[in-house]
Amino acid sequence: VPVLSKAALANFTGLTAASACNNVLLEHQLALEHKHHGHLRAIFPVLVGEIEHHSTLGALHGDFFEGSCTPMCQGGVTVEAVEGKVVEHLKRLGKGPLLLPGSARTVKATLAAITSN
């Protein structure tokens, strides 16, 4: 169960192919690979909006989507360091090769897949 917030996803907007490994993205891609391999049935993220202050209820988390928490990711960007780590983890666990096509491993496609499960 990934917990997604604006702060957790903020770095996604600036990721490039040459970026260092982003562990949040790595965890999401590993979860998607495990699902594609048949080791997970579903991924259910908890989407946490920004803190809003209500006069009677106090501080509460707002709506993730209405609060513009989803970052604008560049299309077509695959972070090479993340992909290398995914391959490394799958190999170490004996799970086999990458099954998701390259187009499904971009930053934008990964975020879309995680938030649509």
Protein backbone atom coordinates (compact mmCIF):
# COMPACT_ATOMS: atom_id res chain seq x y z
CA VAL A 1 0.00 0.00 0.00
CA PRO A 2 1.89 3.07 -1.20
CA VAL A 3 1.10 6.35 0.56
CA LEU A 4 1.18 9.16 -1.98
CA SER A 5 1.34 12.83 -1.07
CA LYS A 6 2.34 16.01 -2.86
CA ALA A 7 5.61 16.06 -0.92
CA ALA A 8 6.42 12.41 -1.68
CA LEU A 9 5.89 12.96 -5.41
CA ALA A 10 7.39 16.46 -5.72
CA ASN A 11 10.71 15.24 -7.13
CA PHE A 12 9.00 13.41 -10.00
CA THR A 13 8.69 16.64 -12.02
CA GLY A 14 12.44 17.13 -12.38
CA LEU A 15 13.49 13.55 -13.04
CA THR A 16 15.57 12.89 -16.14
CA ALA A 17 17.12 9.77 -17.65
CA ALA A 18 20.39 10.65 -15.89
CA SER A 19 18.85 11.33 -12.45
CA ALA A 20 20.00 9.46 -9.37
CA CYS A 21 17.78 6.62 -8.18
CA ASN A 22 14.51 7.95 -6.73
CA ASN A 23 13.41 5.42 -4.10
CA VAL A 24 9.72 6.33 -4.29
CA LEU A 25 9.73 5.70 -8.04
CA LEU A 26 11.75 2.51 -7.49
CA GLU A 27 9.18 1.17 -5.02
CA HIS A 28 6.32 1.97 -7.41
CA GLN A 29 8.04 0.28 -10.34
CA LEU A 30 8.87 -2.79 -8.26
CA ALA A 31 5.24 -3.04 -7.14
CA LEU A 32 4.06 -2.81 -10.76
CA GLU A 33 6.56 -5.46 -11.87
CA HIS A 34 5.44 -7.78 -9.05
CA LYS A 35 1.83 -7.26 -10.12
CA HIS A 36 2.71 -7.94 -13.76
CA HIS A 37 4.59 -11.10 -12.72
CA GLY A 38 1.45 -12.26 -10.89
CA HIS A 39 2.91 -11.91 -7.38
CA LEU A 40 0.46 -9.13 -6.40
CA ARG A 41 -3.24 -9.06 -7.19
CA ALA A 42 -3.64 -5.29 -6.82
CA ILE A 43 -1.98 -2.11 -5.64
CA PHE A 44 -4.13 0.17 -3.49
CA PRO A 45 -2.48 3.54 -2.87
CA VAL A 46 -3.53 5.85 -0.08
CA LEU A 47 -3.76 9.31 -1.66
CA VAL A 48 -3.11 12.03 0.92
CA GLY A 49 -3.96 15.63 0.04
CA GLU A 50 -2.41 18.69 1.61
CA ILE A 51 -3.34 19.71 5.15
CA GLU A 52 -6.34 22.01 5.31
CA HIS A 53 -7.54 23.80 8.42
CA HIS A 54 -11.25 23.60 9.20
CA SER A 55 -12.80 25.81 11.85
CA THR A 56 -14.65 23.01 13.63
CA LEU A 57 -12.66 19.90 12.74
CA GLY A 58 -9.11 21.23 12.90
CA ALA A 59 -6.39 20.10 10.53
CA LEU A 60 -7.41 17.47 7.95
CA HIS A 61 -5.94 16.13 4.76
CA GLY A 62 -7.73 17.48 1.69
CA ASP A 63 -8.57 15.77 -1.59
CA PHE A 64 -5.41 14.59 -3.37
CA PHE A 65 -6.73 15.33 -6.86
CA GLU A 66 -8.55 18.60 -6.10
CA GLY A 67 -5.46 19.86 -4.28
CA SER A 68 -3.28 19.52 -7.39
CA CYS A 69 -1.04 16.97 -5.69
CA THR A 70 -0.31 15.01 -8.87
CA PRO A 71 2.98 16.30 -10.32
CA MET A 72 3.38 17.22 -13.98
CA CYS A 73 5.83 14.59 -15.22
CA GLN A 74 7.75 14.83 -18.45
CA GLY A 75 6.56 12.28 -20.98
CA GLY A 76 8.94 9.57 -22.08
CA VAL A 77 11.45 9.88 -19.23
CA THR A 78 12.82 6.59 -17.92
CA VAL A 79 15.29 7.00 -15.06
CA GLU A 80 18.16 4.66 -15.93
CA ALA A 81 19.33 4.30 -12.32
CA VAL A 82 15.84 3.21 -11.23
CA GLU A 83 15.53 0.73 -14.06
CA GLY A 84 18.91 -0.76 -13.14
CA LYS A 85 17.82 -1.17 -9.52
CA VAL A 86 14.53 -2.81 -10.55
CA VAL A 87 16.46 -5.35 -12.65
CA GLU A 88 18.89 -5.90 -9.76
CA HIS A 89 16.10 -6.49 -7.21
CA LEU A 90 14.13 -8.82 -9.49
CA LYS A 91 17.28 -10.84 -10.22
CA ARG A 92 18.23 -11.04 -6.54
CA LEU A 93 14.71 -12.26 -5.68
CA GLY A 94 14.71 -14.80 -8.51
CA LYS A 95 11.66 -13.17 -10.12
CA GLY A 96 12.99 -13.09 -13.68
CA PRO A 97 13.40 -10.26 -16.16
CA LEU A 98 11.45 -7.04 -16.56
CA LEU A 99 8.02 -7.82 -17.98
CA LEU A 100 6.58 -4.32 -18.29
CA PRO A 101 7.28 -2.72 -21.66
CA GLY A 102 9.58 0.30 -21.72
CA SER A 103 6.65 2.65 -22.32
CA ALA A 104 5.11 1.50 -19.01
CA ARG A 105 8.31 2.21 -17.06
CA THR A 106 8.46 5.97 -17.67
CA VAL A 107 7.95 8.30 -14.71
CA LYS A 108 4.62 9.51 -16.10
CA ALA A 109 3.32 5.99 -16.92
CA THR A 110 4.41 4.66 -13.52
CA LEU A 111 2.54 7.41 -11.67
CA ALA A 112 -0.55 6.91 -13.84
CA ALA A 113 -0.51 3.15 -13.21
CA ILE A 114 -0.06 3.49 -9.44
CA THR A 115 -2.87 6.04 -9.09
CA SER A 116 -5.28 4.11 -11.30
CA ASN A 117 -5.13 0.77 -9.49
